[in-house]
Amino acid sequence: MRKVFFSKRIAFYISVTVPVMFIIFVLLSLLGNEKLSFSKPGNYFIIKDKILSRSAQPSFLGFMFLRVNGVKSIINLREEEDDSEHGINFLGFNNYLNIKIKDYSVPTDDQIIAFLNFVTNPENQPVHVHCRSGKGRAGLMEVIYRYSVDGSPIRKSINLTRRHHKISDTQIEWLLQWASNKKPQWFSLRQNI
């Protein structure tokens, strides 16, 4: 009698272990050469603690890293890709915003307002913003946030961003022109009226 119980237990473990191992094998093969841990997305940087971070396009493991580290909402600046294929709905992010900005270009005024409204909404925070490489478009939005919300002077905002990521000269020229008719912290001041 006891031998039969032991055999049933072994059969149960095998019936559970084999499918789990198969799923792990399939996931690992789909991930290619990704690290087998929650890995930070490339060019990951915290702009303002518990408010805003940025990076390159996260993989599934990158989105897991963000979620485990408390990120509630995602802003995708890529025109060419949607994040749904990376499982963001499955991971339980609160909100998602796709602001389609062509690589190496600049946002429209409507896109800036949408970005700032989303980031400054406490229900969305912390927010993570990304583009393809985590440099140009994400860097541009970092400068816009620092200037428009935190009130950092535009040149200081640009220099803070350029210390860790490159923004193109064209984008810098645009930022200087864009900020020339706005006061630092203009968005926060507008919100408090």
N, C-alpha and C. Protein backbone atom coordinates (compact mmCIF):
# COMPACT_ATOMS: atom_id res chain seq x y z
N MET A 1 0.81 -1.19 0.00
CA MET A 1 0.00 0.00 0.00
C MET A 1 0.86 1.27 0.00
N ARG A 2 1.85 1.26 0.86
CA ARG A 2 2.70 2.43 0.99
C ARG A 2 3.47 2.71 -0.31
N LYS A 3 3.85 1.68 -1.00
CA LYS A 3 4.60 1.82 -2.24
C LYS A 3 3.76 2.53 -3.30
N VAL A 4 2.48 2.25 -3.35
CA VAL A 4 1.58 2.89 -4.31
C VAL A 4 1.47 4.39 -4.01
N PHE A 5 1.34 4.75 -2.73
CA PHE A 5 1.28 6.16 -2.35
C PHE A 5 2.54 6.89 -2.80
N PHE A 6 3.71 6.27 -2.56
CA PHE A 6 4.97 6.86 -2.97
C PHE A 6 5.02 7.05 -4.48
N SER A 7 4.55 6.12 -5.23
CA SER A 7 4.53 6.22 -6.69
C SER A 7 3.59 7.32 -7.16
N LYS A 8 2.46 7.46 -6.51
CA LYS A 8 1.53 8.54 -6.88
C LYS A 8 2.15 9.90 -6.60
N ARG A 9 2.88 10.01 -5.50
CA ARG A 9 3.53 11.28 -5.17
C ARG A 9 4.59 11.62 -6.22
N ILE A 10 5.38 10.64 -6.60
CA ILE A 10 6.40 10.86 -7.64
C ILE A 10 5.73 11.24 -8.95
N ALA A 11 4.68 10.56 -9.30
CA ALA A 11 3.95 10.87 -10.54
C ALA A 11 3.42 12.30 -10.50
N PHE A 12 2.91 12.71 -9.35
CA PHE A 12 2.39 14.08 -9.20
C PHE A 12 3.52 15.10 -9.42
N TYR A 13 4.65 14.91 -8.76
CA TYR A 13 5.76 15.85 -8.90
C TYR A 13 6.28 15.90 -10.34
N ILE A 14 6.34 14.77 -10.97
CA ILE A 14 6.78 14.74 -12.37
C ILE A 14 5.77 15.47 -13.25
N SER A 15 4.48 15.25 -13.00
CA SER A 15 3.45 15.90 -13.83
C SER A 15 3.46 17.41 -13.65
N VAL A 16 3.92 17.89 -12.51
CA VAL A 16 4.00 19.34 -12.27
C VAL A 16 5.35 19.88 -12.74
N THR A 17 6.42 19.20 -12.45
CA THR A 17 7.76 19.68 -12.75
C THR A 17 8.04 19.76 -14.24
N VAL A 18 7.65 18.77 -14.99
CA VAL A 18 7.95 18.75 -16.43
C VAL A 18 7.31 19.95 -17.14
N PRO A 19 6.02 20.23 -16.96
CA PRO A 19 5.45 21.41 -17.63
C PRO A 19 6.09 22.73 -17.17
N VAL A 20 6.40 22.84 -15.88
CA VAL A 20 7.05 24.06 -15.38
C VAL A 20 8.42 24.22 -16.02
N MET A 21 9.19 23.17 -16.09
CA MET A 21 10.50 23.23 -16.73
C MET A 21 10.38 23.57 -18.21
N PHE A 22 9.36 23.04 -18.87
CA PHE A 22 9.13 23.36 -20.27
C PHE A 22 8.84 24.85 -20.44
N ILE A 23 7.99 25.39 -19.59
CA ILE A 23 7.66 26.82 -19.66
C ILE A 23 8.91 27.66 -19.43
N ILE A 24 9.71 27.30 -18.44
CA ILE A 24 10.95 28.03 -18.18
C ILE A 24 11.88 27.94 -19.39
N PHE A 25 12.01 26.79 -19.99
CA PHE A 25 12.85 26.61 -21.17
C PHE A 25 12.37 27.50 -22.32
N VAL A 26 11.06 27.51 -22.57
CA VAL A 26 10.50 28.34 -23.65
C VAL A 26 10.76 29.81 -23.37
N LEU A 27 10.52 30.26 -22.14
CA LEU A 27 10.76 31.66 -21.80
C LEU A 27 12.22 32.04 -21.98
N LEU A 28 13.11 31.18 -21.53
CA LEU A 28 14.54 31.47 -21.68
C LEU A 28 14.95 31.54 -23.14
N SER A 29 14.40 30.68 -23.96
CA SER A 29 14.75 30.72 -25.38
C SER A 29 14.18 31.97 -26.05
N LEU A 30 13.01 32.43 -25.60
CA LEU A 30 12.44 33.66 -26.16
C LEU A 30 13.23 34.89 -25.72
N LEU A 31 13.79 34.85 -24.52
CA LEU A 31 14.53 35.99 -24.00
C LEU A 31 15.92 36.11 -24.61
N GLY A 32 16.37 35.09 -25.27
CA GLY A 32 17.68 35.15 -25.90
C GLY A 32 18.78 35.26 -24.87
N ASN A 33 19.61 36.30 -24.99
CA ASN A 33 20.74 36.43 -24.08
C ASN A 33 20.47 37.39 -22.93
N GLU A 34 19.21 37.58 -22.57
CA GLU A 34 18.87 38.42 -21.41
C GLU A 34 19.42 37.77 -20.15
N LYS A 35 19.74 38.57 -19.16
CA LYS A 35 20.16 38.04 -17.87
C LYS A 35 18.98 37.37 -17.20
N LEU A 36 19.24 36.39 -16.38
CA LEU A 36 18.19 35.65 -15.71
C LEU A 36 17.82 36.30 -14.38
N SER A 37 17.67 37.58 -14.38
CA SER A 37 17.23 38.31 -13.20
C SER A 37 16.44 39.51 -13.68
N PHE A 38 15.79 40.19 -12.74
CA PHE A 38 15.12 41.42 -13.13
C PHE A 38 16.23 42.41 -13.43
N SER A 39 16.45 42.71 -14.68
CA SER A 39 17.57 43.57 -15.05
C SER A 39 17.09 44.96 -15.39
N LYS A 40 17.87 45.95 -14.93
CA LYS A 40 17.55 47.34 -15.24
C LYS A 40 17.58 47.51 -16.75
N PRO A 41 16.64 48.29 -17.28
CA PRO A 41 16.70 48.62 -18.71
C PRO A 41 17.97 49.43 -18.98
N GLY A 42 18.44 49.39 -20.22
CA GLY A 42 19.61 50.18 -20.60
C GLY A 42 19.37 51.66 -20.36
N ASN A 43 20.43 52.38 -20.05
CA ASN A 43 20.38 53.82 -19.79
C ASN A 43 19.36 54.21 -18.73
N TYR A 44 19.15 53.32 -17.77
CA TYR A 44 18.19 53.60 -16.69
C TYR A 44 18.71 54.72 -15.80
N PHE A 45 17.83 55.65 -15.47
CA PHE A 45 18.21 56.78 -14.62
C PHE A 45 16.98 57.29 -13.89
N ILE A 46 17.13 57.56 -12.59
CA ILE A 46 16.04 58.15 -11.81
C ILE A 46 16.18 59.66 -11.89
N ILE A 47 15.20 60.31 -12.50
CA ILE A 47 15.20 61.76 -12.66
C ILE A 47 14.80 62.43 -11.35
N LYS A 48 13.71 61.96 -10.77
CA LYS A 48 13.24 62.47 -9.47
C LYS A 48 12.66 61.29 -8.71
N ASP A 49 13.24 61.01 -7.55
CA ASP A 49 12.86 59.84 -6.77
C ASP A 49 11.36 59.81 -6.49
N LYS A 50 10.77 58.66 -6.72
CA LYS A 50 9.34 58.38 -6.51
C LYS A 50 8.41 59.19 -7.42
N ILE A 51 8.99 59.85 -8.44
CA ILE A 51 8.19 60.61 -9.40
C ILE A 51 8.44 60.14 -10.82
N LEU A 52 9.71 60.19 -11.27
CA LEU A 52 10.01 59.98 -12.69
C LEU A 52 11.37 59.33 -12.89
N SER A 53 11.39 58.32 -13.77
CA SER A 53 12.63 57.69 -14.21
C SER A 53 12.57 57.54 -15.72
N ARG A 54 13.71 57.17 -16.31
CA ARG A 54 13.76 57.02 -17.76
C ARG A 54 14.73 55.92 -18.15
N SER A 55 14.59 55.46 -19.39
CA SER A 55 15.51 54.42 -19.88
C SER A 55 15.33 54.21 -21.37
N ALA A 56 16.10 53.23 -21.86
CA ALA A 56 15.89 52.69 -23.20
C ALA A 56 14.66 51.78 -23.14
N GLN A 57 14.27 51.24 -24.29
CA GLN A 57 13.13 50.31 -24.36
C GLN A 57 13.35 49.14 -23.41
N PRO A 58 12.51 48.98 -22.40
CA PRO A 58 12.67 47.83 -21.51
C PRO A 58 12.22 46.53 -22.18
N SER A 59 12.89 45.45 -21.84
CA SER A 59 12.45 44.12 -22.23
C SER A 59 11.39 43.69 -21.21
N PHE A 60 10.89 42.47 -21.34
CA PHE A 60 9.94 41.97 -20.34
C PHE A 60 10.59 41.98 -18.96
N LEU A 61 11.84 41.54 -18.87
CA LEU A 61 12.54 41.55 -17.58
C LEU A 61 12.79 42.97 -17.09
N GLY A 62 13.02 43.89 -18.03
CA GLY A 62 13.17 45.30 -17.65
C GLY A 62 11.89 45.86 -17.07
N PHE A 63 10.75 45.53 -17.69
CA PHE A 63 9.47 45.96 -17.13
C PHE A 63 9.22 45.32 -15.77
N MET A 64 9.66 44.07 -15.60
CA MET A 64 9.53 43.43 -14.28
C MET A 64 10.37 44.19 -13.25
N PHE A 65 11.58 44.59 -13.63
CA PHE A 65 12.44 45.38 -12.74
C PHE A 65 11.73 46.66 -12.32
N LEU A 66 11.14 47.36 -13.29
CA LEU A 66 10.44 48.61 -13.00
C LEU A 66 9.28 48.38 -12.04
N ARG A 67 8.50 47.34 -12.31
CA ARG A 67 7.32 47.06 -11.48
C ARG A 67 7.73 46.68 -10.06
N VAL A 68 8.74 45.82 -9.94
CA VAL A 68 9.22 45.41 -8.62
C VAL A 68 9.77 46.62 -7.85
N ASN A 69 10.29 47.60 -8.56
CA ASN A 69 10.83 48.80 -7.93
C ASN A 69 9.81 49.92 -7.79
N GLY A 70 8.53 49.59 -7.92
CA GLY A 70 7.47 50.52 -7.57
C GLY A 70 6.89 51.38 -8.67
N VAL A 71 7.41 51.28 -9.89
CA VAL A 71 6.86 52.10 -10.98
C VAL A 71 5.41 51.70 -11.22
N LYS A 72 4.53 52.71 -11.30
CA LYS A 72 3.11 52.45 -11.49
C LYS A 72 2.65 52.65 -12.93
N SER A 73 3.31 53.58 -13.65
CA SER A 73 2.82 53.95 -14.98
C SER A 73 3.98 54.10 -15.96
N ILE A 74 3.66 53.91 -17.24
CA ILE A 74 4.67 53.93 -18.30
C ILE A 74 4.30 54.96 -19.36
N ILE A 75 5.31 55.72 -19.82
CA ILE A 75 5.16 56.57 -21.00
C ILE A 75 6.14 56.06 -22.04
N ASN A 76 5.61 55.68 -23.19
CA ASN A 76 6.42 55.22 -24.32
C ASN A 76 6.49 56.36 -25.32
N LEU A 77 7.68 56.83 -25.64
CA LEU A 77 7.87 57.92 -26.60
C LEU A 77 8.11 57.42 -28.01
N ARG A 78 8.09 56.12 -28.20
CA ARG A 78 8.42 55.54 -29.50
C ARG A 78 7.23 55.62 -30.45
N GLU A 79 7.51 56.05 -31.63
CA GLU A 79 6.51 56.09 -32.70
C GLU A 79 6.35 54.70 -33.30
N GLU A 80 7.43 53.93 -33.26
CA GLU A 80 7.50 52.70 -34.02
C GLU A 80 7.14 51.44 -33.25
N GLU A 81 6.85 51.53 -31.95
CA GLU A 81 6.58 50.30 -31.20
C GLU A 81 5.64 50.56 -30.03
N ASP A 82 4.77 49.59 -29.80
CA ASP A 82 3.84 49.59 -28.67
C ASP A 82 4.40 48.65 -27.61
N ASP A 83 4.19 48.96 -26.35
CA ASP A 83 4.73 48.13 -25.27
C ASP A 83 3.89 46.91 -24.95
N SER A 84 2.73 46.76 -25.56
CA SER A 84 1.85 45.64 -25.19
C SER A 84 2.53 44.29 -25.43
N GLU A 85 3.41 44.22 -26.41
CA GLU A 85 4.09 42.96 -26.68
C GLU A 85 5.09 42.60 -25.58
N HIS A 86 5.42 43.55 -24.72
CA HIS A 86 6.34 43.28 -23.62
C HIS A 86 5.62 42.91 -22.33
N GLY A 87 4.31 42.77 -22.39
CA GLY A 87 3.54 42.27 -21.25
C GLY A 87 3.24 43.28 -20.17
N ILE A 88 3.17 44.58 -20.51
CA ILE A 88 2.96 45.56 -19.45
C ILE A 88 1.58 45.43 -18.80
N ASN A 89 0.59 44.99 -19.56
CA ASN A 89 -0.74 44.81 -18.96
C ASN A 89 -0.71 43.68 -17.94
N PHE A 90 -0.01 42.63 -18.27
CA PHE A 90 0.13 41.47 -17.39
C PHE A 90 0.83 41.84 -16.08
N LEU A 91 1.77 42.78 -16.15
CA LEU A 91 2.56 43.14 -14.97
C LEU A 91 1.85 44.12 -14.04
N GLY A 92 0.71 44.65 -14.44
CA GLY A 92 -0.10 45.45 -13.54
C GLY A 92 0.27 46.91 -13.41
N PHE A 93 0.79 47.51 -14.45
CA PHE A 93 1.02 48.95 -14.41
C PHE A 93 -0.33 49.66 -14.41
N ASN A 94 -0.45 50.75 -13.64
CA ASN A 94 -1.72 51.47 -13.52
C ASN A 94 -2.17 52.09 -14.84
N ASN A 95 -1.28 52.83 -15.45
CA ASN A 95 -1.63 53.58 -16.65
C ASN A 95 -0.50 53.52 -17.66
N TYR A 96 -0.87 53.77 -18.90
CA TYR A 96 0.08 53.71 -20.01
C TYR A 96 -0.25 54.84 -20.96
N LEU A 97 0.78 55.56 -21.41
CA LEU A 97 0.61 56.64 -22.37
C LEU A 97 1.65 56.48 -23.46
N ASN A 98 1.20 56.49 -24.71
CA ASN A 98 2.11 56.42 -25.84
C ASN A 98 2.10 57.78 -26.53
N ILE A 99 3.21 58.50 -26.41
CA ILE A 99 3.38 59.79 -27.08
C ILE A 99 4.33 59.53 -28.24
N LYS A 100 3.79 59.48 -29.42
CA LYS A 100 4.58 59.07 -30.59
C LYS A 100 5.41 60.24 -31.12
N ILE A 101 6.71 60.19 -30.81
CA ILE A 101 7.65 61.21 -31.27
C ILE A 101 8.67 60.51 -32.16
N LYS A 102 8.82 61.02 -33.35
CA LYS A 102 9.78 60.43 -34.28
C LYS A 102 11.20 60.59 -33.72
N ASP A 103 12.01 59.55 -33.88
CA ASP A 103 13.38 59.58 -33.38
C ASP A 103 14.12 60.79 -33.95
N TYR A 104 14.92 61.44 -33.13
CA TYR A 104 15.72 62.62 -33.46
C TYR A 104 14.88 63.86 -33.73
N SER A 105 13.60 63.83 -33.37
CA SER A 105 12.79 65.02 -33.56
C SER A 105 12.34 65.55 -32.20
N VAL A 106 11.43 66.51 -32.22
CA VAL A 106 10.99 67.17 -30.99
C VAL A 106 9.48 67.02 -30.83
N PRO A 107 8.99 67.13 -29.60
CA PRO A 107 7.55 66.98 -29.37
C PRO A 107 6.77 68.23 -29.75
N THR A 108 5.48 68.04 -29.99
CA THR A 108 4.59 69.18 -30.20
C THR A 108 4.18 69.74 -28.84
N ASP A 109 3.57 70.92 -28.84
CA ASP A 109 3.08 71.50 -27.58
C ASP A 109 2.05 70.59 -26.93
N ASP A 110 1.16 70.00 -27.73
CA ASP A 110 0.15 69.08 -27.19
C ASP A 110 0.80 67.86 -26.54
N GLN A 111 1.86 67.35 -27.15
CA GLN A 111 2.56 66.19 -26.58
C GLN A 111 3.25 66.56 -25.26
N ILE A 112 3.80 67.77 -25.19
CA ILE A 112 4.43 68.23 -23.95
C ILE A 112 3.40 68.32 -22.83
N ILE A 113 2.25 68.91 -23.13
CA ILE A 113 1.18 69.05 -22.13
C ILE A 113 0.71 67.66 -21.68
N ALA A 114 0.51 66.74 -22.63
CA ALA A 114 0.08 65.38 -22.27
C ALA A 114 1.11 64.72 -21.36
N PHE A 115 2.39 64.87 -21.69
CA PHE A 115 3.47 64.30 -20.88
C PHE A 115 3.45 64.88 -19.47
N LEU A 116 3.42 66.20 -19.37
CA LEU A 116 3.47 66.85 -18.06
C LEU A 116 2.23 66.56 -17.22
N ASN A 117 1.06 66.55 -17.85
CA ASN A 117 -0.17 66.20 -17.12
C ASN A 117 -0.08 64.79 -16.55
N PHE A 118 0.42 63.87 -17.35
CA PHE A 118 0.53 62.47 -16.93
C PHE A 118 1.53 62.31 -15.78
N VAL A 119 2.70 62.91 -15.94
CA VAL A 119 3.77 62.76 -14.94
C VAL A 119 3.41 63.42 -13.62
N THR A 120 2.72 64.55 -13.66
CA THR A 120 2.42 65.28 -12.42
C THR A 120 1.16 64.79 -11.73
N ASN A 121 0.45 63.85 -12.34
CA ASN A 121 -0.74 63.27 -11.70
C ASN A 121 -0.27 62.25 -10.64
N PRO A 122 -0.54 62.51 -9.36
CA PRO A 122 -0.06 61.61 -8.30
C PRO A 122 -0.55 60.16 -8.45
N GLU A 123 -1.69 59.96 -9.10
CA GLU A 123 -2.19 58.60 -9.29
C GLU A 123 -1.29 57.78 -10.22
N ASN A 124 -0.52 58.46 -11.06
CA ASN A 124 0.37 57.77 -12.00
C ASN A 124 1.76 57.52 -11.44
N GLN A 125 2.14 58.21 -10.40
CA GLN A 125 3.52 58.20 -9.91
C GLN A 125 3.81 56.97 -9.05
N PRO A 126 5.05 56.50 -9.15
CA PRO A 126 6.13 56.91 -10.03
C PRO A 126 5.88 56.49 -11.49
N VAL A 127 6.34 57.36 -12.38
CA VAL A 127 6.18 57.16 -13.82
C VAL A 127 7.55 56.84 -14.41
N HIS A 128 7.56 55.97 -15.40
CA HIS A 128 8.78 55.67 -16.14
C HIS A 128 8.57 56.04 -17.60
N VAL A 129 9.50 56.81 -18.16
CA VAL A 129 9.42 57.21 -19.56
C VAL A 129 10.58 56.55 -20.32
N HIS A 130 10.28 56.09 -21.53
CA HIS A 130 11.34 55.46 -22.32
C HIS A 130 11.16 55.76 -23.80
N CYS A 131 12.29 55.69 -24.50
CA CYS A 131 12.29 55.70 -25.96
C CYS A 131 13.09 54.47 -26.37
N ARG A 132 13.62 54.44 -27.56
CA ARG A 132 14.33 53.24 -28.02
C ARG A 132 15.65 53.04 -27.27
N SER A 133 16.49 54.10 -27.26
CA SER A 133 17.81 53.95 -26.64
C SER A 133 17.94 54.67 -25.30
N GLY A 134 16.93 55.43 -24.91
CA GLY A 134 16.97 56.12 -23.62
C GLY A 134 17.84 57.36 -23.63
N LYS A 135 18.05 57.93 -24.80
CA LYS A 135 18.92 59.10 -24.91
C LYS A 135 18.15 60.32 -25.39
N GLY A 136 17.91 60.41 -26.70
CA GLY A 136 17.35 61.62 -27.30
C GLY A 136 15.97 62.02 -26.82
N ARG A 137 14.96 61.23 -27.17
CA ARG A 137 13.58 61.59 -26.81
C ARG A 137 13.37 61.58 -25.30
N ALA A 138 13.87 60.55 -24.63
CA ALA A 138 13.72 60.49 -23.16
C ALA A 138 14.51 61.62 -22.51
N GLY A 139 15.68 61.93 -23.04
CA GLY A 139 16.48 63.04 -22.52
C GLY A 139 15.79 64.37 -22.70
N LEU A 140 15.19 64.55 -23.86
CA LEU A 140 14.43 65.77 -24.15
C LEU A 140 13.31 65.96 -23.14
N MET A 141 12.57 64.90 -22.86
CA MET A 141 11.46 65.00 -21.91
C MET A 141 11.96 65.19 -20.48
N GLU A 142 13.13 64.65 -20.19
CA GLU A 142 13.74 64.90 -18.87
C GLU A 142 14.01 66.39 -18.69
N VAL A 143 14.61 67.03 -19.70
CA VAL A 143 14.89 68.46 -19.63
C VAL A 143 13.59 69.25 -19.50
N ILE A 144 12.58 68.88 -20.28
CA ILE A 144 11.29 69.58 -20.21
C ILE A 144 10.69 69.46 -18.81
N TYR A 145 10.77 68.28 -18.20
CA TYR A 145 10.25 68.09 -16.84
C TYR A 145 11.03 68.95 -15.85
N ARG A 146 12.36 68.89 -15.90
CA ARG A 146 13.19 69.65 -14.96
C ARG A 146 12.88 71.15 -15.04
N TYR A 147 12.73 71.65 -16.26
CA TYR A 147 12.47 73.08 -16.46
C TYR A 147 11.03 73.45 -16.11
N SER A 148 10.08 72.68 -16.61
CA SER A 148 8.66 73.05 -16.50
C SER A 148 8.05 72.78 -15.14
N VAL A 149 8.52 71.75 -14.46
CA VAL A 149 7.92 71.36 -13.17
C VAL A 149 8.83 71.73 -12.00
N ASP A 150 10.10 71.32 -12.08
CA ASP A 150 11.02 71.59 -10.97
C ASP A 150 11.54 73.03 -10.96
N GLY A 151 11.50 73.70 -12.11
CA GLY A 151 11.95 75.09 -12.17
C GLY A 151 13.45 75.26 -12.34
N SER A 152 14.14 74.20 -12.70
CA SER A 152 15.58 74.29 -12.95
C SER A 152 15.81 75.13 -14.22
N PRO A 153 16.77 76.07 -14.21
CA PRO A 153 17.04 76.85 -15.43
C PRO A 153 17.32 75.92 -16.62
N ILE A 154 16.98 76.37 -17.80
CA ILE A 154 17.04 75.51 -18.98
C ILE A 154 18.46 75.00 -19.24
N ARG A 155 19.46 75.85 -19.14
CA ARG A 155 20.84 75.39 -19.40
C ARG A 155 21.30 74.39 -18.33
N LYS A 156 20.90 74.62 -17.09
CA LYS A 156 21.23 73.67 -16.03
C LYS A 156 20.52 72.34 -16.28
N SER A 157 19.26 72.41 -16.70
CA SER A 157 18.49 71.19 -17.00
C SER A 157 19.17 70.40 -18.12
N ILE A 158 19.61 71.10 -19.14
CA ILE A 158 20.30 70.45 -20.26
C ILE A 158 21.60 69.81 -19.78
N ASN A 159 22.38 70.56 -18.99
CA ASN A 159 23.67 70.04 -18.51
C ASN A 159 23.48 68.83 -17.59
N LEU A 160 22.47 68.87 -16.72
CA LEU A 160 22.20 67.72 -15.84
C LEU A 160 21.88 66.48 -16.67
N THR A 161 21.12 66.66 -17.70
CA THR A 161 20.73 65.53 -18.56
C THR A 161 21.92 65.04 -19.38
N ARG A 162 22.70 65.96 -19.91
CA ARG A 162 23.83 65.57 -20.76
C ARG A 162 24.95 64.89 -19.99
N ARG A 163 24.96 65.03 -18.67
CA ARG A 163 26.00 64.35 -17.89
C ARG A 163 25.90 62.84 -18.03
N HIS A 164 24.70 62.35 -18.20
CA HIS A 164 24.53 60.89 -18.26
C HIS A 164 23.97 60.39 -19.58
N HIS A 165 23.43 61.27 -20.42
CA HIS A 165 22.89 60.83 -21.71
C HIS A 165 23.01 61.96 -22.73
N LYS A 166 23.21 61.58 -23.96
CA LYS A 166 23.38 62.58 -25.01
C LYS A 166 22.04 63.05 -25.56
N ILE A 167 21.97 64.35 -25.77
CA ILE A 167 20.86 64.96 -26.49
C ILE A 167 21.50 65.60 -27.72
N SER A 168 20.85 65.51 -28.86
CA SER A 168 21.44 66.05 -30.08
C SER A 168 21.51 67.58 -30.03
N ASP A 169 22.42 68.14 -30.81
CA ASP A 169 22.55 69.60 -30.88
C ASP A 169 21.26 70.23 -31.39
N THR A 170 20.60 69.57 -32.32
CA THR A 170 19.32 70.07 -32.84
C THR A 170 18.28 70.13 -31.73
N GLN A 171 18.24 69.10 -30.89
CA GLN A 171 17.29 69.09 -29.78
C GLN A 171 17.63 70.17 -28.75
N ILE A 172 18.91 70.41 -28.52
CA ILE A 172 19.32 71.46 -27.58
C ILE A 172 18.91 72.83 -28.11
N GLU A 173 19.15 73.07 -29.39
CA GLU A 173 18.73 74.35 -29.99
C GLU A 173 17.23 74.53 -29.85
N TRP A 174 16.48 73.47 -30.12
CA TRP A 174 15.03 73.54 -29.98
C TRP A 174 14.63 73.84 -28.53
N LEU A 175 15.26 73.16 -27.55
CA LEU A 175 14.95 73.39 -26.14
C LEU A 175 15.19 74.84 -25.74
N LEU A 176 16.31 75.41 -26.18
CA LEU A 176 16.62 76.80 -25.85
C LEU A 176 15.57 77.74 -26.45
N GLN A 177 15.18 77.48 -27.69
CA GLN A 177 14.15 78.30 -28.33
C GLN A 177 12.80 78.11 -27.64
N TRP A 178 12.45 76.87 -27.35
CA TRP A 178 11.17 76.55 -26.70
C TRP A 178 11.07 77.23 -25.34
N ALA A 179 12.15 77.20 -24.56
CA ALA A 179 12.14 77.76 -23.20
C ALA A 179 12.21 79.28 -23.20
N SER A 180 12.58 79.88 -24.33
CA SER A 180 12.76 81.34 -24.36
C SER A 180 11.46 82.10 -24.10
N ASN A 181 10.32 81.48 -24.34
CA ASN A 181 9.05 82.18 -24.08
C ASN A 181 8.25 81.55 -22.93
N LYS A 182 8.96 80.81 -22.07
CA LYS A 182 8.33 80.20 -20.89
C LYS A 182 9.22 80.43 -19.69
N LYS A 183 8.62 80.68 -18.55
CA LYS A 183 9.38 80.83 -17.32
C LYS A 183 9.67 79.46 -16.73
N PRO A 184 10.80 79.33 -16.01
CA PRO A 184 11.03 78.07 -15.31
C PRO A 184 9.84 77.76 -14.39
N GLN A 185 9.50 76.53 -14.30
CA GLN A 185 8.39 76.03 -13.48
C GLN A 185 7.03 76.51 -14.02
N TRP A 186 6.96 76.86 -15.29
CA TRP A 186 5.72 77.39 -15.87
C TRP A 186 4.56 76.43 -15.72
N PHE A 187 4.82 75.14 -15.85
CA PHE A 187 3.73 74.17 -15.77
C PHE A 187 3.19 74.07 -14.35
N SER A 188 4.07 74.01 -13.37
CA SER A 188 3.63 73.93 -11.98
C SER A 188 2.89 75.19 -11.58
N LEU A 189 3.37 76.34 -12.03
CA LEU A 189 2.69 77.61 -11.72
C LEU A 189 1.31 77.64 -12.34
N ARG A 190 1.19 77.13 -13.55
CA ARG A 190 -0.10 77.08 -14.24
C ARG A 190 -1.08 76.18 -13.50
N GLN A 191 -0.57 75.08 -12.95
CA GLN A 191 -1.41 74.12 -12.22
C GLN A 191 -1.97 74.74 -10.94
N ASN A 192 -1.23 75.66 -10.33
CA ASN A 192 -1.63 76.23 -9.04
C ASN A 192 -2.53 77.45 -9.16
N ILE A 193 -2.86 77.85 -10.36
CA ILE A 193 -3.71 79.04 -10.56
C ILE A 193 -5.15 78.71 -10.23
